[in-house]
Amino acid sequence: MVMRLAALAACAALGLTGCSKGVPPTSGTAAFKFKESVWVTYGWSRNRMAYIVFFVPSTSLALNEDGIAAKLNFAKEGDTFDGALDGYLDKSKAPFKCEAKSGTMTIEGKPYRSSNGAVFLINVGPPIKVQQLVVTFPGGPKDPEETLAFMEAEVKRIAAENPKIKEFPNEPAPEKPVKTKKK
């Protein structure tokens, strides 16, 4: 709820005379608690979803709930998002970066690439475990004021339609190895 209010306040501030030239209202970030022990952070660039990260915070790291949404860096050549899965962008133990134009996501220094968008399921660890799901993200609404609500609805829709996200963080039981008899 705090993140939604912060996003709405930011949009209102951008509407002030002289401030609207910075970040277009069709780019932004948000985060919320998805279910027990699972958080989601997501970002959109120019009215199109750039990334969605479902994650379970590390029990050994402190979690700053207000800092989970990534920082948007608007640029003419392409938006980038800098975030932290522990909520501490400056001194994060679990940083990530997304370059919307190239479709590149870097999680703790390891690059992941997707042409049309990706959803990540991350157990922050230690050690960190990343699963990448490829999904198709539709474009956003025509009215910029509806973008935040639309993007949150898209996150929930994608989660409802994907069984891996529904099961996350519960991992399926490992297959038992085939037992062979010794002769």
N, C-alpha and C. Protein backbone atom coordinates (compact mmCIF):
# COMPACT_ATOMS: atom_id res chain seq x y z
N MET A 1 0.83 -1.18 0.00
CA MET A 1 0.00 0.00 0.00
C MET A 1 0.88 1.25 0.00
N VAL A 2 1.96 1.22 0.75
CA VAL A 2 2.87 2.36 0.82
C VAL A 2 3.47 2.62 -0.56
N MET A 3 3.83 1.54 -1.27
CA MET A 3 4.44 1.68 -2.59
C MET A 3 3.43 2.27 -3.58
N ARG A 4 2.18 1.87 -3.50
CA ARG A 4 1.17 2.40 -4.40
C ARG A 4 0.98 3.89 -4.16
N LEU A 5 0.91 4.28 -2.90
CA LEU A 5 0.75 5.70 -2.57
C LEU A 5 1.96 6.49 -3.03
N ALA A 6 3.15 5.92 -2.88
CA ALA A 6 4.36 6.60 -3.33
C ALA A 6 4.36 6.77 -4.84
N ALA A 7 3.91 5.74 -5.56
CA ALA A 7 3.85 5.82 -7.02
C ALA A 7 2.83 6.86 -7.46
N LEU A 8 1.68 6.90 -6.80
CA LEU A 8 0.67 7.89 -7.14
C LEU A 8 1.17 9.31 -6.84
N ALA A 9 1.86 9.47 -5.72
CA ALA A 9 2.42 10.79 -5.38
C ALA A 9 3.46 11.20 -6.41
N ALA A 10 4.27 10.27 -6.86
CA ALA A 10 5.29 10.57 -7.87
C ALA A 10 4.63 10.99 -9.18
N CYS A 11 3.57 10.30 -9.57
CA CYS A 11 2.85 10.66 -10.80
C CYS A 11 2.23 12.05 -10.66
N ALA A 12 1.69 12.36 -9.49
CA ALA A 12 1.10 13.68 -9.27
C ALA A 12 2.18 14.76 -9.32
N ALA A 13 3.34 14.47 -8.75
CA ALA A 13 4.43 15.44 -8.77
C ALA A 13 4.94 15.69 -10.19
N LEU A 14 4.92 14.65 -11.02
CA LEU A 14 5.36 14.81 -12.39
C LEU A 14 4.40 15.67 -13.20
N GLY A 15 3.16 15.73 -12.76
CA GLY A 15 2.17 16.53 -13.46
C GLY A 15 2.32 18.03 -13.21
N LEU A 16 3.14 18.43 -12.26
CA LEU A 16 3.35 19.84 -11.98
C LEU A 16 4.07 20.51 -13.14
N THR A 17 3.82 21.78 -13.35
CA THR A 17 4.44 22.51 -14.44
C THR A 17 5.96 22.46 -14.31
N GLY A 18 6.62 22.11 -15.41
CA GLY A 18 8.08 22.07 -15.43
C GLY A 18 8.65 20.73 -15.01
N CYS A 19 7.87 19.88 -14.37
CA CYS A 19 8.38 18.59 -13.90
C CYS A 19 8.06 17.46 -14.88
N SER A 20 7.13 17.68 -15.77
CA SER A 20 6.66 16.60 -16.62
C SER A 20 7.63 16.23 -17.73
N LYS A 21 8.74 16.91 -17.87
CA LYS A 21 9.68 16.61 -18.93
C LYS A 21 10.62 15.47 -18.57
N GLY A 22 10.70 15.05 -17.30
CA GLY A 22 11.64 14.03 -16.86
C GLY A 22 11.21 12.63 -17.25
N VAL A 23 10.42 12.00 -16.45
CA VAL A 23 10.01 10.61 -16.65
C VAL A 23 8.60 10.59 -17.20
N PRO A 24 8.37 9.89 -18.32
CA PRO A 24 7.01 9.83 -18.84
C PRO A 24 6.14 9.01 -17.90
N PRO A 25 4.85 9.32 -17.81
CA PRO A 25 3.98 8.59 -16.90
C PRO A 25 3.78 7.14 -17.31
N THR A 26 4.27 6.75 -18.48
CA THR A 26 4.10 5.38 -18.93
C THR A 26 5.30 4.50 -18.57
N SER A 27 6.19 4.98 -17.72
CA SER A 27 7.31 4.18 -17.21
C SER A 27 7.25 4.24 -15.69
N GLY A 28 7.59 3.15 -15.04
CA GLY A 28 7.57 3.17 -13.59
C GLY A 28 7.92 1.82 -12.98
N THR A 29 7.89 1.78 -11.65
CA THR A 29 8.17 0.55 -10.91
C THR A 29 7.19 0.44 -9.76
N ALA A 30 7.01 -0.76 -9.28
CA ALA A 30 6.15 -0.99 -8.12
C ALA A 30 6.54 -2.33 -7.50
N ALA A 31 6.04 -2.57 -6.30
CA ALA A 31 6.28 -3.83 -5.60
C ALA A 31 5.19 -4.02 -4.57
N PHE A 32 4.92 -5.28 -4.24
CA PHE A 32 3.98 -5.58 -3.17
C PHE A 32 4.22 -7.01 -2.69
N LYS A 33 3.67 -7.31 -1.52
CA LYS A 33 3.78 -8.66 -0.99
C LYS A 33 2.74 -9.51 -1.70
N PHE A 34 3.20 -10.53 -2.40
CA PHE A 34 2.34 -11.35 -3.24
C PHE A 34 1.57 -12.37 -2.42
N LYS A 35 2.28 -13.10 -1.57
CA LYS A 35 1.67 -14.05 -0.65
C LYS A 35 2.67 -14.28 0.47
N GLU A 36 2.34 -15.13 1.40
CA GLU A 36 3.20 -15.38 2.55
C GLU A 36 4.63 -15.68 2.10
N SER A 37 5.56 -14.88 2.53
CA SER A 37 7.00 -14.98 2.28
C SER A 37 7.41 -14.72 0.83
N VAL A 38 6.50 -14.36 -0.06
CA VAL A 38 6.84 -14.09 -1.45
C VAL A 38 6.49 -12.64 -1.78
N TRP A 39 7.47 -11.93 -2.32
CA TRP A 39 7.28 -10.55 -2.75
C TRP A 39 7.40 -10.50 -4.27
N VAL A 40 6.86 -9.46 -4.85
CA VAL A 40 7.00 -9.25 -6.29
C VAL A 40 7.41 -7.80 -6.53
N THR A 41 8.37 -7.61 -7.42
CA THR A 41 8.76 -6.29 -7.89
C THR A 41 8.71 -6.32 -9.40
N TYR A 42 8.27 -5.23 -9.99
CA TYR A 42 8.12 -5.20 -11.45
C TYR A 42 8.31 -3.77 -11.95
N GLY A 43 8.66 -3.68 -13.22
CA GLY A 43 8.88 -2.38 -13.82
C GLY A 43 8.39 -2.37 -15.25
N TRP A 44 7.96 -1.20 -15.71
CA TRP A 44 7.49 -1.07 -17.08
C TRP A 44 8.14 0.15 -17.70
N SER A 45 8.39 0.06 -18.98
CA SER A 45 9.06 1.12 -19.71
C SER A 45 8.25 1.45 -20.95
N ARG A 46 7.87 2.71 -21.05
CA ARG A 46 7.13 3.19 -22.21
C ARG A 46 5.90 2.34 -22.50
N ASN A 47 5.14 2.13 -21.43
CA ASN A 47 3.85 1.45 -21.50
C ASN A 47 3.95 -0.04 -21.81
N ARG A 48 5.11 -0.65 -21.54
CA ARG A 48 5.29 -2.08 -21.77
C ARG A 48 6.06 -2.66 -20.59
N MET A 49 5.58 -3.80 -20.08
CA MET A 49 6.24 -4.44 -18.94
C MET A 49 7.67 -4.81 -19.32
N ALA A 50 8.62 -4.48 -18.46
CA ALA A 50 10.03 -4.78 -18.71
C ALA A 50 10.47 -6.05 -17.97
N TYR A 51 10.01 -6.23 -16.74
CA TYR A 51 10.39 -7.40 -15.96
C TYR A 51 9.39 -7.60 -14.83
N ILE A 52 9.33 -8.84 -14.36
CA ILE A 52 8.59 -9.18 -13.14
C ILE A 52 9.49 -10.13 -12.36
N VAL A 53 9.71 -9.84 -11.08
CA VAL A 53 10.53 -10.70 -10.24
C VAL A 53 9.71 -11.10 -9.01
N PHE A 54 9.42 -12.39 -8.89
CA PHE A 54 8.83 -12.95 -7.68
C PHE A 54 10.00 -13.47 -6.87
N PHE A 55 10.08 -13.11 -5.60
CA PHE A 55 11.24 -13.55 -4.83
C PHE A 55 10.89 -13.81 -3.37
N VAL A 56 11.68 -14.70 -2.80
CA VAL A 56 11.61 -14.98 -1.37
C VAL A 56 12.85 -14.35 -0.76
N PRO A 57 12.68 -13.35 0.11
CA PRO A 57 13.85 -12.70 0.70
C PRO A 57 14.68 -13.67 1.54
N SER A 58 15.94 -13.37 1.64
CA SER A 58 16.83 -14.18 2.46
C SER A 58 16.47 -13.99 3.93
N THR A 59 16.49 -15.07 4.67
CA THR A 59 16.22 -14.97 6.10
C THR A 59 17.42 -14.38 6.85
N SER A 60 18.59 -14.40 6.21
CA SER A 60 19.78 -13.87 6.88
C SER A 60 19.99 -12.38 6.60
N LEU A 61 19.23 -11.80 5.67
CA LEU A 61 19.37 -10.38 5.35
C LEU A 61 18.15 -9.62 5.84
N ALA A 62 18.38 -8.41 6.29
CA ALA A 62 17.26 -7.55 6.67
C ALA A 62 16.53 -7.11 5.40
N LEU A 63 15.23 -6.93 5.47
CA LEU A 63 14.43 -6.54 4.31
C LEU A 63 13.85 -5.14 4.52
N ASN A 64 14.15 -4.24 3.60
CA ASN A 64 13.59 -2.90 3.61
C ASN A 64 12.40 -2.90 2.64
N GLU A 65 11.19 -3.05 3.15
CA GLU A 65 10.00 -3.18 2.31
C GLU A 65 9.77 -1.95 1.45
N ASP A 66 10.13 -0.78 1.91
CA ASP A 66 9.91 0.44 1.14
C ASP A 66 10.88 0.58 -0.03
N GLY A 67 11.98 -0.17 -0.04
CA GLY A 67 12.97 -0.04 -1.10
C GLY A 67 12.95 -1.17 -2.10
N ILE A 68 11.93 -2.02 -2.07
CA ILE A 68 11.90 -3.18 -2.96
C ILE A 68 11.66 -2.78 -4.41
N ALA A 69 10.82 -1.79 -4.66
CA ALA A 69 10.61 -1.34 -6.04
C ALA A 69 11.91 -0.72 -6.55
N ALA A 70 12.29 -1.07 -7.77
CA ALA A 70 13.54 -0.60 -8.34
C ALA A 70 13.51 0.89 -8.63
N LYS A 71 14.68 1.46 -8.81
CA LYS A 71 14.81 2.87 -9.17
C LYS A 71 14.83 2.94 -10.69
N LEU A 72 13.95 3.76 -11.25
CA LEU A 72 13.86 3.94 -12.70
C LEU A 72 14.84 5.03 -13.14
N ASN A 73 15.65 4.71 -14.13
CA ASN A 73 16.56 5.68 -14.72
C ASN A 73 16.09 5.90 -16.15
N PHE A 74 15.40 7.01 -16.38
CA PHE A 74 14.84 7.30 -17.69
C PHE A 74 15.92 7.88 -18.59
N ALA A 75 16.02 7.35 -19.80
CA ALA A 75 16.97 7.86 -20.77
C ALA A 75 16.34 7.77 -22.16
N LYS A 76 16.72 8.69 -23.00
CA LYS A 76 16.17 8.72 -24.36
C LYS A 76 16.48 7.43 -25.11
N GLU A 77 17.67 6.88 -24.88
CA GLU A 77 18.07 5.67 -25.58
C GLU A 77 17.50 4.39 -24.96
N GLY A 78 16.90 4.47 -23.80
CA GLY A 78 16.27 3.30 -23.18
C GLY A 78 16.29 3.39 -21.66
N ASP A 79 15.18 3.00 -21.05
CA ASP A 79 15.07 3.02 -19.60
C ASP A 79 15.86 1.88 -18.98
N THR A 80 16.42 2.14 -17.80
CA THR A 80 17.07 1.09 -17.02
C THR A 80 16.49 1.13 -15.61
N PHE A 81 16.52 -0.02 -14.97
CA PHE A 81 16.00 -0.17 -13.63
C PHE A 81 17.10 -0.75 -12.75
N ASP A 82 17.37 -0.11 -11.62
CA ASP A 82 18.33 -0.62 -10.64
C ASP A 82 17.54 -0.98 -9.40
N GLY A 83 17.67 -2.22 -8.95
CA GLY A 83 16.91 -2.65 -7.79
C GLY A 83 17.72 -3.54 -6.87
N ALA A 84 17.09 -3.87 -5.76
CA ALA A 84 17.72 -4.71 -4.75
C ALA A 84 16.66 -5.61 -4.12
N LEU A 85 16.92 -6.89 -4.10
CA LEU A 85 15.96 -7.84 -3.55
C LEU A 85 15.94 -7.85 -2.03
N ASP A 86 16.77 -7.01 -1.43
CA ASP A 86 16.70 -6.82 0.02
C ASP A 86 16.19 -5.41 0.35
N GLY A 87 15.97 -4.57 -0.70
CA GLY A 87 15.42 -3.24 -0.50
C GLY A 87 16.45 -2.17 -0.20
N TYR A 88 17.72 -2.50 -0.16
CA TYR A 88 18.78 -1.53 0.13
C TYR A 88 19.62 -1.33 -1.12
N LEU A 89 19.26 -0.36 -1.95
CA LEU A 89 19.91 -0.18 -3.24
C LEU A 89 21.38 0.17 -3.11
N ASP A 90 21.74 1.01 -2.15
CA ASP A 90 23.13 1.46 -2.04
C ASP A 90 24.10 0.36 -1.63
N LYS A 91 23.73 -0.46 -0.67
CA LYS A 91 24.63 -1.50 -0.16
C LYS A 91 23.94 -2.86 -0.21
N SER A 92 23.37 -3.19 -1.35
CA SER A 92 22.59 -4.41 -1.46
C SER A 92 23.45 -5.67 -1.52
N LYS A 93 22.96 -6.70 -0.89
CA LYS A 93 23.58 -8.03 -0.97
C LYS A 93 22.96 -8.83 -2.11
N ALA A 94 21.84 -8.33 -2.70
CA ALA A 94 21.14 -9.02 -3.78
C ALA A 94 20.66 -8.01 -4.83
N PRO A 95 21.59 -7.38 -5.58
CA PRO A 95 21.20 -6.36 -6.55
C PRO A 95 20.72 -6.96 -7.88
N PHE A 96 19.94 -6.17 -8.62
CA PHE A 96 19.59 -6.54 -9.98
C PHE A 96 19.49 -5.28 -10.82
N LYS A 97 19.62 -5.46 -12.12
CA LYS A 97 19.53 -4.34 -13.06
C LYS A 97 18.82 -4.85 -14.31
N CYS A 98 17.93 -4.03 -14.85
CA CYS A 98 17.22 -4.38 -16.07
C CYS A 98 17.39 -3.26 -17.08
N GLU A 99 17.75 -3.61 -18.29
CA GLU A 99 17.80 -2.68 -19.40
C GLU A 99 16.63 -3.02 -20.31
N ALA A 100 15.62 -2.17 -20.29
CA ALA A 100 14.36 -2.48 -20.97
C ALA A 100 14.52 -2.61 -22.48
N LYS A 101 15.29 -1.75 -23.09
CA LYS A 101 15.40 -1.77 -24.55
C LYS A 101 16.07 -3.05 -25.06
N SER A 102 17.13 -3.48 -24.40
CA SER A 102 17.84 -4.68 -24.85
C SER A 102 17.24 -5.96 -24.29
N GLY A 103 16.36 -5.86 -23.31
CA GLY A 103 15.76 -7.05 -22.71
C GLY A 103 16.73 -7.82 -21.83
N THR A 104 17.71 -7.12 -21.27
CA THR A 104 18.73 -7.76 -20.44
C THR A 104 18.43 -7.53 -18.97
N MET A 105 18.48 -8.61 -18.20
CA MET A 105 18.31 -8.54 -16.75
C MET A 105 19.58 -9.11 -16.13
N THR A 106 20.17 -8.39 -15.21
CA THR A 106 21.37 -8.85 -14.52
C THR A 106 21.01 -9.03 -13.05
N ILE A 107 21.19 -10.26 -12.55
CA ILE A 107 20.88 -10.57 -11.16
C ILE A 107 22.16 -11.05 -10.51
N GLU A 108 22.63 -10.28 -9.53
CA GLU A 108 23.89 -10.55 -8.83
C GLU A 108 25.04 -10.78 -9.82
N GLY A 109 25.10 -9.96 -10.86
CA GLY A 109 26.19 -10.03 -11.82
C GLY A 109 26.01 -11.02 -12.94
N LYS A 110 25.00 -11.87 -12.90
CA LYS A 110 24.79 -12.87 -13.94
C LYS A 110 23.70 -12.36 -14.90
N PRO A 111 24.02 -12.28 -16.22
CA PRO A 111 23.05 -11.74 -17.17
C PRO A 111 22.03 -12.79 -17.63
N TYR A 112 20.81 -12.32 -17.84
CA TYR A 112 19.72 -13.12 -18.42
C TYR A 112 19.14 -12.27 -19.54
N ARG A 113 18.69 -12.90 -20.61
CA ARG A 113 18.18 -12.15 -21.75
C ARG A 113 16.85 -12.73 -22.21
N SER A 114 15.96 -11.82 -22.62
CA SER A 114 14.68 -12.21 -23.16
C SER A 114 14.24 -11.17 -24.17
N SER A 115 13.69 -11.62 -25.28
CA SER A 115 13.31 -10.68 -26.33
C SER A 115 11.98 -9.99 -26.05
N ASN A 116 11.07 -10.64 -25.33
CA ASN A 116 9.75 -10.06 -25.13
C ASN A 116 9.35 -9.97 -23.68
N GLY A 117 10.24 -10.19 -22.77
CA GLY A 117 9.92 -10.08 -21.36
C GLY A 117 10.13 -11.39 -20.64
N ALA A 118 10.47 -11.28 -19.41
CA ALA A 118 10.72 -12.47 -18.62
C ALA A 118 10.21 -12.28 -17.21
N VAL A 119 9.85 -13.39 -16.63
CA VAL A 119 9.46 -13.44 -15.24
C VAL A 119 10.54 -14.25 -14.53
N PHE A 120 10.97 -13.78 -13.38
CA PHE A 120 12.00 -14.47 -12.62
C PHE A 120 11.43 -14.92 -11.28
N LEU A 121 11.77 -16.14 -10.90
CA LEU A 121 11.44 -16.69 -9.59
C LEU A 121 12.77 -16.84 -8.88
N ILE A 122 12.94 -16.13 -7.76
CA ILE A 122 14.25 -16.09 -7.11
C ILE A 122 14.12 -16.41 -5.63
N ASN A 123 14.88 -17.41 -5.19
CA ASN A 123 15.11 -17.63 -3.77
C ASN A 123 16.42 -16.91 -3.48
N VAL A 124 16.37 -15.87 -2.68
CA VAL A 124 17.53 -15.02 -2.48
C VAL A 124 18.66 -15.76 -1.78
N GLY A 125 18.36 -16.78 -1.04
CA GLY A 125 19.46 -17.64 -0.61
C GLY A 125 19.89 -17.46 0.82
N PRO A 126 21.13 -17.69 1.15
CA PRO A 126 22.19 -18.16 0.28
C PRO A 126 22.11 -19.66 0.03
N PRO A 127 22.52 -20.18 -1.09
CA PRO A 127 22.91 -19.46 -2.29
C PRO A 127 21.67 -19.01 -3.06
N ILE A 128 21.83 -18.04 -3.93
CA ILE A 128 20.71 -17.54 -4.72
C ILE A 128 20.34 -18.56 -5.79
N LYS A 129 19.04 -18.74 -5.99
CA LYS A 129 18.56 -19.67 -7.00
C LYS A 129 17.58 -18.91 -7.89
N VAL A 130 17.87 -18.88 -9.20
CA VAL A 130 17.07 -18.12 -10.15
C VAL A 130 16.45 -19.05 -11.17
N GLN A 131 15.14 -18.88 -11.39
CA GLN A 131 14.44 -19.57 -12.47
C GLN A 131 13.88 -18.49 -13.39
N GLN A 132 14.04 -18.67 -14.69
CA GLN A 132 13.52 -17.70 -15.65
C GLN A 132 12.37 -18.33 -16.42
N LEU A 133 11.25 -17.62 -16.48
CA LEU A 133 10.10 -18.04 -17.26
C LEU A 133 9.90 -17.01 -18.36
N VAL A 134 9.71 -17.47 -19.57
CA VAL A 134 9.49 -16.55 -20.68
C VAL A 134 7.99 -16.43 -20.90
N VAL A 135 7.50 -15.21 -20.89
CA VAL A 135 6.08 -14.92 -21.12
C VAL A 135 5.99 -13.78 -22.14
N THR A 136 4.81 -13.59 -22.68
CA THR A 136 4.58 -12.48 -23.59
C THR A 136 3.84 -11.39 -22.83
N PHE A 137 4.42 -10.22 -22.81
CA PHE A 137 3.79 -9.09 -22.13
C PHE A 137 3.02 -8.26 -23.15
N PRO A 138 1.76 -8.01 -22.92
CA PRO A 138 1.01 -7.14 -23.83
C PRO A 138 1.36 -5.67 -23.56
N GLY A 139 0.99 -4.82 -24.49
CA GLY A 139 1.18 -3.38 -24.30
C GLY A 139 0.23 -2.87 -23.23
N GLY A 140 0.49 -1.69 -22.73
CA GLY A 140 -0.32 -1.12 -21.67
C GLY A 140 -1.51 -0.34 -22.18
N PRO A 141 -2.24 0.29 -21.28
CA PRO A 141 -3.43 1.05 -21.67
C PRO A 141 -3.06 2.36 -22.37
N LYS A 142 -3.99 2.90 -23.08
CA LYS A 142 -3.76 4.17 -23.78
C LYS A 142 -3.74 5.36 -22.82
N ASP A 143 -4.52 5.27 -21.75
CA ASP A 143 -4.59 6.35 -20.76
C ASP A 143 -3.46 6.18 -19.74
N PRO A 144 -2.51 7.12 -19.67
CA PRO A 144 -1.38 6.99 -18.74
C PRO A 144 -1.80 6.88 -17.28
N GLU A 145 -2.95 7.42 -16.92
CA GLU A 145 -3.40 7.36 -15.53
C GLU A 145 -3.82 5.95 -15.12
N GLU A 146 -4.09 5.09 -16.08
CA GLU A 146 -4.49 3.71 -15.79
C GLU A 146 -3.32 2.75 -15.77
N THR A 147 -2.11 3.23 -16.07
CA THR A 147 -0.96 2.35 -16.24
C THR A 147 -0.61 1.57 -14.98
N LEU A 148 -0.53 2.22 -13.83
CA LEU A 148 -0.15 1.54 -12.59
C LEU A 148 -1.13 0.41 -12.26
N ALA A 149 -2.41 0.66 -12.32
CA ALA A 149 -3.41 -0.37 -12.04
C ALA A 149 -3.35 -1.49 -13.08
N PHE A 150 -3.13 -1.13 -14.35
CA PHE A 150 -3.04 -2.13 -15.40
C PHE A 150 -1.85 -3.06 -15.18
N MET A 151 -0.69 -2.50 -14.86
CA MET A 151 0.51 -3.31 -14.68
C MET A 151 0.36 -4.25 -13.47
N GLU A 152 -0.23 -3.78 -12.39
CA GLU A 152 -0.46 -4.66 -11.24
C GLU A 152 -1.42 -5.79 -11.61
N ALA A 153 -2.45 -5.47 -12.38
CA ALA A 153 -3.39 -6.50 -12.83
C ALA A 153 -2.70 -7.52 -13.74
N GLU A 154 -1.76 -7.06 -14.57
CA GLU A 154 -1.00 -7.97 -15.44
C GLU A 154 -0.13 -8.93 -14.62
N VAL A 155 0.50 -8.41 -13.57
CA VAL A 155 1.32 -9.27 -12.71
C VAL A 155 0.45 -10.36 -12.10
N LYS A 156 -0.71 -9.99 -11.59
CA LYS A 156 -1.61 -10.97 -10.97
C LYS A 156 -2.16 -11.95 -12.01
N ARG A 157 -2.45 -11.48 -13.23
CA ARG A 157 -2.95 -12.37 -14.28
C ARG A 157 -1.89 -13.39 -14.68
N ILE A 158 -0.67 -12.93 -14.88
CA ILE A 158 0.42 -13.82 -15.27
C ILE A 158 0.67 -14.85 -14.17
N ALA A 159 0.61 -14.42 -12.92
CA ALA A 159 0.79 -15.36 -11.80
C ALA A 159 -0.32 -16.40 -11.75
N ALA A 160 -1.55 -15.98 -12.03
CA ALA A 160 -2.68 -16.91 -11.99
C ALA A 160 -2.62 -17.92 -13.13
N GLU A 161 -2.07 -17.53 -14.27
CA GLU A 161 -2.05 -18.41 -15.43
C GLU A 161 -0.84 -19.34 -15.47
N ASN A 162 0.15 -19.10 -14.64
CA ASN A 162 1.38 -19.90 -14.69
C ASN A 162 1.49 -20.78 -13.45
N PRO A 163 1.44 -22.10 -13.63
CA PRO A 163 1.50 -23.00 -12.46
C PRO A 163 2.82 -22.92 -11.68
N LYS A 164 3.94 -22.61 -12.32
CA LYS A 164 5.21 -22.50 -11.59
C LYS A 164 5.17 -21.34 -10.61
N ILE A 165 4.52 -20.25 -10.99
CA ILE A 165 4.42 -19.10 -10.09
C ILE A 165 3.48 -19.43 -8.94
N LYS A 166 2.39 -20.13 -9.22
CA LYS A 166 1.46 -20.52 -8.16
C LYS A 166 2.16 -21.38 -7.11
N GLU A 167 3.03 -22.29 -7.56
CA GLU A 167 3.72 -23.20 -6.64
C GLU A 167 4.91 -22.55 -5.94
N PHE A 168 5.43 -21.48 -6.52
CA PHE A 168 6.62 -20.85 -5.96
C PHE A 168 6.35 -20.35 -4.55
N PRO A 169 7.20 -20.58 -3.57
CA PRO A 169 8.54 -21.11 -3.59
C PRO A 169 8.62 -22.62 -3.34
N ASN A 170 7.48 -23.27 -3.27
CA ASN A 170 7.49 -24.71 -3.02
C ASN A 170 8.06 -25.44 -4.23
N GLU A 171 9.17 -26.05 -4.04
CA GLU A 171 9.81 -26.79 -5.12
C GLU A 171 9.19 -28.17 -5.20
N PRO A 172 9.02 -28.70 -6.43
CA PRO A 172 8.52 -30.06 -6.53
C PRO A 172 9.53 -31.04 -5.93
N ALA A 173 9.03 -32.14 -5.42
CA ALA A 173 9.91 -33.13 -4.81
C ALA A 173 10.89 -33.66 -5.86
N PRO A 174 12.15 -33.82 -5.49
CA PRO A 174 13.11 -34.33 -6.47
C PRO A 174 12.77 -35.77 -6.83
N GLU A 175 13.06 -36.09 -8.09
CA GLU A 175 12.81 -37.45 -8.54
C GLU A 175 13.77 -38.38 -7.82
N LYS A 176 13.23 -39.53 -7.41
CA LYS A 176 14.08 -40.51 -6.73
C LYS A 176 14.97 -41.19 -7.76
N PRO A 177 16.23 -41.35 -7.44
CA PRO A 177 17.12 -42.04 -8.39
C PRO A 177 16.72 -43.50 -8.55
N VAL A 178 16.97 -44.00 -9.70
CA VAL A 178 16.66 -45.41 -9.96
C VAL A 178 17.64 -46.26 -9.17
N LYS A 179 17.09 -47.17 -8.40
CA LYS A 179 17.95 -48.03 -7.60
C LYS A 179 18.37 -49.23 -8.44
N THR A 180 19.63 -49.51 -8.41
CA THR A 180 20.13 -50.69 -9.11
C THR A 180 20.63 -51.68 -8.08
N LYS A 181 20.42 -52.91 -8.41
CA LYS A 181 20.87 -53.96 -7.50
C LYS A 181 22.31 -54.31 -7.81
N LYS A 182 23.07 -54.50 -6.75
CA LYS A 182 24.45 -54.93 -6.91
C LYS A 182 24.48 -56.44 -7.06
N LYS A 183 25.30 -56.90 -7.96
CA LYS A 183 25.39 -58.35 -8.18
C LYS A 183 26.60 -58.93 -7.52
